Amino acid sequence: MSKYPIALTIAGSDSGGGAGIQADIKSFSANGVYGASVITAITAQNTVAVTAIHNVPVDIITAQLDAVFDDLNITCVKIGMLSKSETIKAVAAVLKKHRAKNKNLTIVLDPVMVTTTGDPLIADDAVDTLKEVLLPLATLVTPNLHETARLINAKLPQSREEMVDQAQQILNMGVKAVLIKGGHGASNAALKESTDLLLLADGSKFVEEWFTAKWVVTKNTHGTGCSLSSAITANLAKGETLSSAIQNAKTWLTGAIASADDLDVGKGSGPVHHFYQYWK
């Protein structure tokens, strides 16, 4: 058995290195966890735009999943970009099979739908498939404000009360807990804070917890959603509670965003500095 926890990311590849598989692996490593990966799509991408997407054939995705699960002691899985219905169904089928062997397998679903640059990453019909077959498997789902609105066909929430209401609607889809990432909210910038909502069901009642961090002024925020969800996954793999995993991931990401300008990567929205604690 590995000396260190092992987490798996199932996501698309970002050739620019700032989001997707690359950001996930960096986030796992920065937070003290060994990272394995299953690539679902290859994107031609940089800090300015996504210019092409090649979806990996379903049989290759399934083969990757079986290969890592058959050999590695994976305790936590983070799911990112799944752009097609058949990809989602294939991933769900394999996860069901391996969760039958390990009922404690933790699954964090980050429903990636649009890049920081505004490029779509999922087909419309795939959103319905995501809700029907994958959400019920998730321990935690981590949509941002825009993804939350798309999941429930609603407008962007304008208040904390509306965030809670929308989170409840996602919980009703069968997921155990939802973290709405509020960092894309314009009102949050005006308040100079980044606020996320965790909502989970405790018997017949909902329990909410809010996580707030200082707003960092920078254009270099490429991959923030991927990185936060992956850091949470890493912390859960280390045995932290859900609340602690989120808080520690948010603290780490705030530092990574605050140091993003030091990297100076690309001409557009550059990546966060995943290794700000280690690079001098």
C-alpha atoms as a PDB file:
ATOM      1  CA  MET A   1       0.000   0.000   0.000  1.00  0.00           C
ATOM      2  CA  SER A   2       1.254   3.482  -0.875  1.00  0.00           C
ATOM      3  CA  LYS A   3       2.770   5.602   1.894  1.00  0.00           C
ATOM      4  CA  TYR A   4       0.780   8.562   0.585  1.00  0.00           C
ATOM      5  CA  PRO A   5      -2.920   8.832  -0.306  1.00  0.00           C
ATOM      6  CA  ILE A   6      -3.772   8.383  -3.976  1.00  0.00           C
ATOM      7  CA  ALA A   7      -6.398  10.484  -5.742  1.00  0.00           C
ATOM      8  CA  LEU A   8      -7.631  10.070  -9.300  1.00  0.00           C
ATOM      9  CA  THR A   9      -8.701  12.819 -11.671  1.00  0.00           C
ATOM     10  CA  ILE A  10     -11.006  12.051 -14.603  1.00  0.00           C
ATOM     11  CA  ALA A  11     -10.972  15.092 -16.860  1.00  0.00           C
ATOM     12  CA  GLY A  12      -9.854  16.771 -20.061  1.00  0.00           C
ATOM     13  CA  SER A  13      -6.313  17.834 -20.906  1.00  0.00           C
ATOM     14  CA  ASP A  14      -5.452  21.547 -21.135  1.00  0.00           C
ATOM     15  CA  SER A  15      -2.467  21.984 -23.446  1.00  0.00           C
ATOM     16  CA  GLY A  16      -1.766  25.341 -21.807  1.00  0.00           C
ATOM     17  CA  GLY A  17      -1.273  23.601 -18.466  1.00  0.00           C
ATOM     18  CA  GLY A  18      -3.528  25.859 -16.403  1.00  0.00           C
ATOM     19  CA  ALA A  19      -6.743  23.868 -16.023  1.00  0.00           C
ATOM     20  CA  GLY A  20      -8.106  20.354 -16.451  1.00  0.00           C
ATOM     21  CA  ILE A  21      -5.893  17.318 -15.870  1.00  0.00           C
ATOM     22  CA  GLN A  22      -2.781  19.452 -15.538  1.00  0.00           C
ATOM     23  CA  ALA A  23      -4.274  21.693 -12.845  1.00  0.00           C
ATOM     24  CA  ASP A  24      -5.688  18.665 -11.036  1.00  0.00           C
ATOM     25  CA  ILE A  25      -2.345  16.873 -10.845  1.00  0.00           C
ATOM     26  CA  LYS A  26      -0.609  20.071  -9.701  1.00  0.00           C
ATOM     27  CA  SER A  27      -3.265  20.618  -7.035  1.00  0.00           C
ATOM     28  CA  PHE A  28      -2.969  17.034  -5.778  1.00  0.00           C
ATOM     29  CA  SER A  29       0.804  17.346  -5.587  1.00  0.00           C
ATOM     30  CA  ALA A  30       0.772  20.767  -3.918  1.00  0.00           C
ATOM     31  CA  ASN A  31      -1.547  19.368  -1.258  1.00  0.00           C
ATOM     32  CA  GLY A  32       0.478  16.261  -0.491  1.00  0.00           C
ATOM     33  CA  VAL A  33      -1.324  13.561  -2.461  1.00  0.00           C
ATOM     34  CA  TYR A  34      -0.183  11.293  -5.304  1.00  0.00           C
ATOM     35  CA  GLY A  35      -2.237  11.877  -8.431  1.00  0.00           C
ATOM     36  CA  ALA A  36      -3.359   9.441 -11.125  1.00  0.00           C
ATOM     37  CA  SER A  37      -5.281  10.522 -14.212  1.00  0.00           C
ATOM     38  CA  VAL A  38      -7.795   9.392 -16.810  1.00  0.00           C
ATOM     39  CA  ILE A  39      -8.011  11.705 -19.815  1.00  0.00           C
ATOM     40  CA  THR A  40     -11.491  12.112 -21.309  1.00  0.00           C
ATOM     41  CA  ALA A  41     -10.731  14.775 -23.927  1.00  0.00           C
ATOM     42  CA  ILE A  42      -7.791  16.587 -25.471  1.00  0.00           C
ATOM     43  CA  THR A  43      -8.200  20.316 -25.888  1.00  0.00           C
ATOM     44  CA  ALA A  44      -6.093  22.698 -27.956  1.00  0.00           C
ATOM     45  CA  GLN A  45      -6.123  25.450 -25.385  1.00  0.00           C
ATOM     46  CA  ASN A  46      -4.128  28.358 -24.025  1.00  0.00           C
ATOM     47  CA  THR A  47      -4.822  31.364 -21.809  1.00  0.00           C
ATOM     48  CA  VAL A  48      -6.818  33.064 -24.586  1.00  0.00           C
ATOM     49  CA  ALA A  49      -9.139  30.417 -26.047  1.00  0.00           C
ATOM     50  CA  VAL A  50      -9.991  26.793 -26.762  1.00  0.00           C
ATOM     51  CA  THR A  51      -9.419  26.197 -30.478  1.00  0.00           C
ATOM     52  CA  ALA A  52     -10.187  22.476 -30.757  1.00  0.00           C
ATOM     53  CA  ILE A  53     -11.518  19.545 -28.733  1.00  0.00           C
ATOM     54  CA  HIS A  54     -10.916  15.846 -29.418  1.00  0.00           C
ATOM     55  CA  ASN A  55     -13.007  13.467 -27.311  1.00  0.00           C
ATOM     56  CA  VAL A  56     -11.166  10.328 -26.297  1.00  0.00           C
ATOM     57  CA  PRO A  57     -13.011   7.161 -27.434  1.00  0.00           C
ATOM     58  CA  VAL A  58     -15.146   5.598 -24.714  1.00  0.00           C
ATOM     59  CA  ASP A  59     -13.321   2.262 -24.815  1.00  0.00           C
ATOM     60  CA  ILE A  60     -10.008   4.013 -24.134  1.00  0.00           C
ATOM     61  CA  ILE A  61     -11.537   5.941 -21.222  1.00  0.00           C
ATOM     62  CA  THR A  62     -12.877   2.687 -19.760  1.00  0.00           C
ATOM     63  CA  ALA A  63      -9.505   0.997 -20.244  1.00  0.00           C
ATOM     64  CA  GLN A  64      -7.737   3.840 -18.425  1.00  0.00           C
ATOM     65  CA  LEU A  65     -10.184   3.629 -15.519  1.00  0.00           C
ATOM     66  CA  ASP A  66      -9.857  -0.119 -15.164  1.00  0.00           C
ATOM     67  CA  ALA A  67      -6.060   0.077 -15.382  1.00  0.00           C
ATOM     68  CA  VAL A  68      -5.684   2.531 -12.487  1.00  0.00           C
ATOM     69  CA  PHE A  69      -8.371   0.977 -10.283  1.00  0.00           C
ATOM     70  CA  ASP A  70      -6.985  -2.548 -10.772  1.00  0.00           C
ATOM     71  CA  ASP A  71      -3.539  -1.524  -9.542  1.00  0.00           C
ATOM     72  CA  LEU A  72      -3.715   1.611  -7.392  1.00  0.00           C
ATOM     73  CA  ASN A  73      -5.321   2.056  -3.980  1.00  0.00           C
ATOM     74  CA  ILE A  74      -7.511   4.997  -4.978  1.00  0.00           C
ATOM     75  CA  THR A  75      -9.528   6.485  -2.140  1.00  0.00           C
ATOM     76  CA  CYS A  76     -10.873   9.641  -3.788  1.00  0.00           C
ATOM     77  CA  VAL A  77     -11.904  10.554  -7.328  1.00  0.00           C
ATOM     78  CA  LYS A  78     -12.306  14.015  -8.822  1.00  0.00           C
ATOM     79  CA  ILE A  79     -14.343  14.274 -12.030  1.00  0.00           C
ATOM     80  CA  GLY A  80     -13.964  17.246 -14.337  1.00  0.00           C
ATOM     81  CA  MET A  81     -14.641  17.666 -18.059  1.00  0.00           C
ATOM     82  CA  LEU A  82     -17.022  15.066 -19.505  1.00  0.00           C
ATOM     83  CA  SER A  83     -18.284  16.622 -22.716  1.00  0.00           C
ATOM     84  CA  LYS A  84     -20.496  13.855 -24.192  1.00  0.00           C
ATOM     85  CA  SER A  85     -23.349  11.702 -22.913  1.00  0.00           C
ATOM     86  CA  GLU A  86     -21.645   8.435 -23.824  1.00  0.00           C
ATOM     87  CA  THR A  87     -18.520   9.509 -21.908  1.00  0.00           C
ATOM     88  CA  ILE A  88     -20.580  10.291 -18.809  1.00  0.00           C
ATOM     89  CA  LYS A  89     -22.392   6.942 -18.977  1.00  0.00           C
ATOM     90  CA  ALA A  90     -19.122   5.045 -19.373  1.00  0.00           C
ATOM     91  CA  VAL A  91     -17.481   6.792 -16.420  1.00  0.00           C
ATOM     92  CA  ALA A  92     -20.547   6.241 -14.241  1.00  0.00           C
ATOM     93  CA  ALA A  93     -20.634   2.527 -15.098  1.00  0.00           C
ATOM     94  CA  VAL A  94     -16.997   1.978 -14.121  1.00  0.00           C
ATOM     95  CA  LEU A  95     -17.324   3.989 -10.916  1.00  0.00           C
ATOM     96  CA  LYS A  96     -20.376   1.953  -9.884  1.00  0.00           C
ATOM     97  CA  LYS A  97     -18.389  -1.236 -10.459  1.00  0.00           C
ATOM     98  CA  HIS A  98     -15.424  -0.133  -8.374  1.00  0.00           C
ATOM     99  CA  ARG A  99     -17.539   1.452  -5.633  1.00  0.00           C
ATOM    100  CA  ALA A 100     -19.153  -1.964  -5.194  1.00  0.00           C
ATOM    101  CA  LYS A 101     -15.669  -3.148  -4.187  1.00  0.00           C
ATOM    102  CA  ASN A 102     -14.903  -0.053  -2.087  1.00  0.00           C
ATOM    103  CA  LYS A 103     -18.026   1.504  -0.608  1.00  0.00           C
ATOM    104  CA  ASN A 104     -15.906   4.264   0.981  1.00  0.00           C
ATOM    105  CA  LEU A 105     -14.779   5.579  -2.419  1.00  0.00           C
ATOM    106  CA  THR A 106     -15.251   9.354  -2.334  1.00  0.00           C
ATOM    107  CA  ILE A 107     -16.357  11.048  -5.566  1.00  0.00           C
ATOM    108  CA  VAL A 108     -16.061  14.803  -6.084  1.00  0.00           C
ATOM    109  CA  LEU A 109     -17.866  15.988  -9.207  1.00  0.00           C
ATOM    110  CA  ASP A 110     -16.878  19.346 -10.690  1.00  0.00           C
ATOM    111  CA  PRO A 111     -19.441  19.887 -13.497  1.00  0.00           C
ATOM    112  CA  VAL A 112     -17.142  21.721 -15.914  1.00  0.00           C
ATOM    113  CA  MET A 113     -19.246  23.428 -18.555  1.00  0.00           C
ATOM    114  CA  VAL A 114     -17.482  26.604 -19.691  1.00  0.00           C
ATOM    115  CA  THR A 115     -13.851  27.747 -19.565  1.00  0.00           C
ATOM    116  CA  THR A 116     -12.667  30.958 -17.933  1.00  0.00           C
ATOM    117  CA  THR A 117     -12.386  32.376 -21.467  1.00  0.00           C
ATOM    118  CA  GLY A 118     -16.072  31.565 -22.130  1.00  0.00           C
ATOM    119  CA  ASP A 119     -15.640  28.532 -24.383  1.00  0.00           C
ATOM    120  CA  PRO A 120     -18.267  25.751 -23.945  1.00  0.00           C
ATOM    121  CA  LEU A 121     -16.959  22.349 -22.844  1.00  0.00           C
ATOM    122  CA  ILE A 122     -20.102  20.188 -22.680  1.00  0.00           C
ATOM    123  CA  ALA A 123     -22.916  19.376 -25.092  1.00  0.00           C
ATOM    124  CA  ASP A 124     -26.441  20.395 -24.077  1.00  0.00           C
ATOM    125  CA  ASP A 125     -27.769  16.828 -24.009  1.00  0.00           C
ATOM    126  CA  ALA A 126     -24.830  15.764 -21.844  1.00  0.00           C
ATOM    127  CA  VAL A 127     -26.008  18.071 -19.040  1.00  0.00           C
ATOM    128  CA  ASP A 128     -29.161  15.977 -18.644  1.00  0.00           C
ATOM    129  CA  THR A 129     -27.116  12.773 -18.626  1.00  0.00           C
ATOM    130  CA  LEU A 130     -24.801  14.256 -16.013  1.00  0.00           C
ATOM    131  CA  LYS A 131     -27.760  14.988 -13.750  1.00  0.00           C
ATOM    132  CA  GLU A 132     -29.376  11.591 -14.265  1.00  0.00           C
ATOM    133  CA  VAL A 133     -26.470   9.143 -13.984  1.00  0.00           C
ATOM    134  CA  LEU A 134     -23.511  10.885 -12.340  1.00  0.00           C
ATOM    135  CA  LEU A 135     -24.879  13.326  -9.768  1.00  0.00           C
ATOM    136  CA  PRO A 136     -26.435  10.530  -7.664  1.00  0.00           C
ATOM    137  CA  LEU A 137     -22.985   8.893  -7.392  1.00  0.00           C
ATOM    138  CA  ALA A 138     -21.268  12.028  -6.109  1.00  0.00           C
ATOM    139  CA  THR A 139     -20.209  12.560  -2.519  1.00  0.00           C
ATOM    140  CA  LEU A 140     -19.788  16.246  -3.309  1.00  0.00           C
ATOM    141  CA  VAL A 141     -20.615  18.345  -6.372  1.00  0.00           C
ATOM    142  CA  THR A 142     -18.797  21.671  -6.819  1.00  0.00           C
ATOM    143  CA  PRO A 143     -20.468  23.924  -9.425  1.00  0.00           C
ATOM    144  CA  ASN A 144     -19.715  27.623  -9.754  1.00  0.00           C
ATOM    145  CA  LEU A 145     -22.588  30.097  -9.973  1.00  0.00           C
ATOM    146  CA  HIS A 146     -23.003  29.720 -13.745  1.00  0.00           C
ATOM    147  CA  GLU A 147     -22.861  25.918 -13.612  1.00  0.00           C
ATOM    148  CA  THR A 148     -25.365  25.890 -10.762  1.00  0.00           C
ATOM    149  CA  ALA A 149     -27.815  27.963 -12.793  1.00  0.00           C
ATOM    150  CA  ARG A 150     -27.418  25.675 -15.801  1.00  0.00           C
ATOM    151  CA  LEU A 151     -27.918  22.517 -13.775  1.00  0.00           C
ATOM    152  CA  ILE A 152     -31.314  23.701 -12.526  1.00  0.00           C
ATOM    153  CA  ASN A 153     -32.263  25.918 -15.501  1.00  0.00           C
ATOM    154  CA  ALA A 154     -32.351  29.096 -13.440  1.00  0.00           C
ATOM    155  CA  LYS A 155     -30.909  32.593 -13.387  1.00  0.00           C
ATOM    156  CA  LEU A 156     -27.732  33.411 -11.495  1.00  0.00           C
ATOM    157  CA  PRO A 157     -28.416  33.727  -7.758  1.00  0.00           C
ATOM    158  CA  GLN A 158     -28.413  37.310  -6.511  1.00  0.00           C
ATOM    159  CA  SER A 159     -28.268  36.655  -2.767  1.00  0.00           C
ATOM    160  CA  ARG A 160     -27.200  34.106  -0.182  1.00  0.00           C
ATOM    161  CA  GLU A 161     -30.818  33.022   0.152  1.00  0.00           C
ATOM    162  CA  GLU A 162     -31.014  32.260  -3.567  1.00  0.00           C
ATOM    163  CA  MET A 163     -27.725  30.333  -3.393  1.00  0.00           C
ATOM    164  CA  VAL A 164     -29.184  28.172  -0.612  1.00  0.00           C
ATOM    165  CA  ASP A 165     -32.373  27.586  -2.603  1.00  0.00           C
ATOM    166  CA  GLN A 166     -30.431  26.550  -5.708  1.00  0.00           C
ATOM    167  CA  ALA A 167     -28.143  24.294  -3.674  1.00  0.00           C
ATOM    168  CA  GLN A 168     -31.215  22.562  -2.238  1.00  0.00           C
ATOM    169  CA  GLN A 169     -32.474  21.894  -5.760  1.00  0.00           C
ATOM    170  CA  ILE A 170     -29.177  20.210  -6.634  1.00  0.00           C
ATOM    171  CA  LEU A 171     -29.282  18.129  -3.437  1.00  0.00           C
ATOM    172  CA  ASN A 172     -32.715  16.934  -4.500  1.00  0.00           C
ATOM    173  CA  MET A 173     -31.068  15.355  -7.552  1.00  0.00           C
ATOM    174  CA  GLY A 174     -29.492  12.755  -5.273  1.00  0.00           C
ATOM    175  CA  VAL A 175     -26.062  14.167  -4.462  1.00  0.00           C
ATOM    176  CA  LYS A 176     -24.936  14.002  -0.807  1.00  0.00           C
ATOM    177  CA  ALA A 177     -23.478  17.515  -0.568  1.00  0.00           C
ATOM    178  CA  VAL A 178     -23.070  20.569  -2.795  1.00  0.00           C
ATOM    179  CA  LEU A 179     -20.486  23.345  -2.689  1.00  0.00           C
ATOM    180  CA  ILE A 180     -21.468  26.358  -4.770  1.00  0.00           C
ATOM    181  CA  LYS A 181     -18.293  28.219  -5.658  1.00  0.00           C
ATOM    182  CA  GLY A 182     -19.135  31.920  -5.537  1.00  0.00           C
ATOM    183  CA  GLY A 183     -15.880  33.282  -6.906  1.00  0.00           C
ATOM    184  CA  HIS A 184     -17.418  34.212 -10.278  1.00  0.00           C
ATOM    185  CA  GLY A 185     -19.974  36.548  -8.719  1.00  0.00           C
ATOM    186  CA  ALA A 186     -19.613  40.224  -9.605  1.00  0.00           C
ATOM    187  CA  SER A 187     -21.283  41.205  -6.339  1.00  0.00           C
ATOM    188  CA  ASN A 188     -18.620  39.289  -4.448  1.00  0.00           C
ATOM    189  CA  ALA A 189     -15.919  41.380  -6.072  1.00  0.00           C
ATOM    190  CA  ALA A 190     -17.731  44.511  -4.966  1.00  0.00           C
ATOM    191  CA  LEU A 191     -17.777  43.114  -1.427  1.00  0.00           C
ATOM    192  CA  LYS A 192     -14.062  42.302  -1.750  1.00  0.00           C
ATOM    193  CA  GLU A 193     -14.612  38.675  -0.752  1.00  0.00           C
ATOM    194  CA  SER A 194     -14.958  35.235  -2.316  1.00  0.00           C
ATOM    195  CA  THR A 195     -17.825  33.330  -0.716  1.00  0.00           C
ATOM    196  CA  ASP A 196     -18.691  29.652  -1.180  1.00  0.00           C
ATOM    197  CA  LEU A 197     -21.684  27.737   0.177  1.00  0.00           C
ATOM    198  CA  LEU A 198     -21.632  24.153   1.421  1.00  0.00           C
ATOM    199  CA  LEU A 199     -25.056  22.561   1.823  1.00  0.00           C
ATOM    200  CA  LEU A 200     -25.757  19.011   2.895  1.00  0.00           C
ATOM    201  CA  ALA A 201     -28.714  17.052   4.149  1.00  0.00           C
ATOM    202  CA  ASP A 202     -28.795  15.940   7.777  1.00  0.00           C
ATOM    203  CA  GLY A 203     -31.881  13.794   8.150  1.00  0.00           C
ATOM    204  CA  SER A 204     -34.902  15.960   7.398  1.00  0.00           C
ATOM    205  CA  LYS A 205     -33.038  19.273   7.543  1.00  0.00           C
ATOM    206  CA  PHE A 206     -30.410  21.070   5.495  1.00  0.00           C
ATOM    207  CA  VAL A 207     -27.128  22.193   7.057  1.00  0.00           C
ATOM    208  CA  GLU A 208     -25.316  25.136   5.500  1.00  0.00           C
ATOM    209  CA  GLU A 209     -21.796  26.421   6.008  1.00  0.00           C
ATOM    210  CA  TRP A 210     -20.172  29.458   4.422  1.00  0.00           C
ATOM    211  CA  PHE A 211     -16.524  29.846   3.479  1.00  0.00           C
ATOM    212  CA  THR A 212     -15.185  33.337   2.857  1.00  0.00           C
ATOM    213  CA  ALA A 213     -11.759  34.501   1.728  1.00  0.00           C
ATOM    214  CA  LYS A 214     -10.258  37.812   0.690  1.00  0.00           C
ATOM    215  CA  TRP A 215     -10.955  38.787  -2.922  1.00  0.00           C
ATOM    216  CA  VAL A 216      -7.726  38.857  -4.950  1.00  0.00           C
ATOM    217  CA  VAL A 217      -7.611  41.344  -7.821  1.00  0.00           C
ATOM    218  CA  THR A 218      -5.964  39.636 -10.819  1.00  0.00           C
ATOM    219  CA  LYS A 219      -6.853  38.567 -14.356  1.00  0.00           C
ATOM    220  CA  ASN A 220      -4.923  35.341 -13.870  1.00  0.00           C
ATOM    221  CA  THR A 221      -7.649  32.998 -12.644  1.00  0.00           C
ATOM    222  CA  HIS A 222      -7.493  30.234 -15.276  1.00  0.00           C
ATOM    223  CA  GLY A 223      -8.160  26.875 -13.635  1.00  0.00           C
ATOM    224  CA  THR A 224      -9.390  28.155 -10.276  1.00  0.00           C
ATOM    225  CA  GLY A 225     -12.477  25.919 -10.280  1.00  0.00           C
ATOM    226  CA  CYS A 226     -10.518  22.808 -11.241  1.00  0.00           C
ATOM    227  CA  SER A 227      -7.843  23.561  -8.688  1.00  0.00           C
ATOM    228  CA  LEU A 228     -10.217  24.155  -5.775  1.00  0.00           C
ATOM    229  CA  SER A 229     -12.154  20.955  -6.400  1.00  0.00           C
ATOM    230  CA  SER A 230      -8.926  18.968  -6.759  1.00  0.00           C
ATOM    231  CA  ALA A 231      -7.483  20.432  -3.571  1.00  0.00           C
ATOM    232  CA  ILE A 232     -10.669  19.456  -1.731  1.00  0.00           C
ATOM    233  CA  THR A 233     -10.340  15.939  -3.169  1.00  0.00           C
ATOM    234  CA  ALA A 234      -6.715  15.752  -2.004  1.00  0.00           C
ATOM    235  CA  ASN A 235      -7.647  16.853   1.505  1.00  0.00           C
ATOM    236  CA  LEU A 236     -10.459  14.297   1.670  1.00  0.00           C
ATOM    237  CA  ALA A 237      -7.975  11.625   0.550  1.00  0.00           C
ATOM    238  CA  LYS A 238      -5.829  12.587   3.540  1.00  0.00           C
ATOM    239  CA  GLY A 239      -8.748  11.883   5.848  1.00  0.00           C
ATOM    240  CA  GLU A 240      -9.928  15.428   6.554  1.00  0.00           C
ATOM    241  CA  THR A 241     -13.572  16.162   7.255  1.00  0.00           C
ATOM    242  CA  LEU A 242     -15.572  17.749   4.462  1.00  0.00           C
ATOM    243  CA  SER A 243     -15.613  21.138   6.190  1.00  0.00           C
ATOM    244  CA  SER A 244     -11.882  21.055   6.920  1.00  0.00           C
ATOM    245  CA  ALA A 245     -11.059  19.851   3.398  1.00  0.00           C
ATOM    246  CA  ILE A 246     -12.938  22.780   1.887  1.00  0.00           C
ATOM    247  CA  GLN A 247     -11.521  25.386   4.243  1.00  0.00           C
ATOM    248  CA  ASN A 248      -7.922  24.261   3.787  1.00  0.00           C
ATOM    249  CA  ALA A 249      -8.356  24.018   0.003  1.00  0.00           C
ATOM    250  CA  LYS A 250      -9.811  27.525  -0.124  1.00  0.00           C
ATOM    251  CA  THR A 251      -6.963  28.922   1.963  1.00  0.00           C
ATOM    252  CA  TRP A 252      -4.413  27.256  -0.310  1.00  0.00           C
ATOM    253  CA  LEU A 253      -6.163  28.466  -3.487  1.00  0.00           C
ATOM    254  CA  THR A 254      -6.364  32.040  -2.209  1.00  0.00           C
ATOM    255  CA  GLY A 255      -2.582  31.974  -1.885  1.00  0.00           C
ATOM    256  CA  ALA A 256      -2.225  30.445  -5.347  1.00  0.00           C
ATOM    257  CA  ILE A 257      -4.389  33.212  -6.846  1.00  0.00           C
ATOM    258  CA  ALA A 258      -2.517  35.915  -4.916  1.00  0.00           C
ATOM    259  CA  SER A 259       0.745  34.616  -6.419  1.00  0.00           C
ATOM    260  CA  ALA A 260      -0.632  34.090  -9.945  1.00  0.00           C
ATOM    261  CA  ASP A 261       0.838  37.320 -11.315  1.00  0.00           C
ATOM    262  CA  ASP A 262       4.328  36.078 -10.387  1.00  0.00           C
ATOM    263  CA  LEU A 263       4.025  33.333 -13.019  1.00  0.00           C
ATOM    264  CA  ASP A 264       3.192  35.712 -15.888  1.00  0.00           C
ATOM    265  CA  VAL A 265       2.096  32.856 -18.187  1.00  0.00           C
ATOM    266  CA  GLY A 266       0.344  33.638 -21.479  1.00  0.00           C
ATOM    267  CA  LYS A 267      -1.342  36.691 -22.972  1.00  0.00           C
ATOM    268  CA  GLY A 268      -4.838  36.127 -21.566  1.00  0.00           C
ATOM    269  CA  SER A 269      -6.194  34.818 -18.278  1.00  0.00           C
ATOM    270  CA  GLY A 270      -3.161  33.025 -16.906  1.00  0.00           C
ATOM    271  CA  PRO A 271      -3.066  30.134 -14.431  1.00  0.00           C
ATOM    272  CA  VAL A 272      -2.854  30.315 -10.662  1.00  0.00           C
ATOM    273  CA  HIS A 273       0.478  29.524  -9.007  1.00  0.00           C
ATOM    274  CA  HIS A 274      -0.075  26.011  -7.666  1.00  0.00           C
ATOM    275  CA  PHE A 275       3.385  25.752  -6.113  1.00  0.00           C
ATOM    276  CA  TYR A 276       3.660  29.223  -4.583  1.00  0.00           C
ATOM    277  CA  GLN A 277       4.557  27.646  -1.246  1.00  0.00           C
ATOM    278  CA  TYR A 278       7.550  25.826  -2.719  1.00  0.00           C
ATOM    279  CA  TRP A 279       8.956  27.914  -5.563  1.00  0.00           C
ATOM    280  CA  LYS A 280      11.270  30.695  -4.504  1.00  0.00           C
END
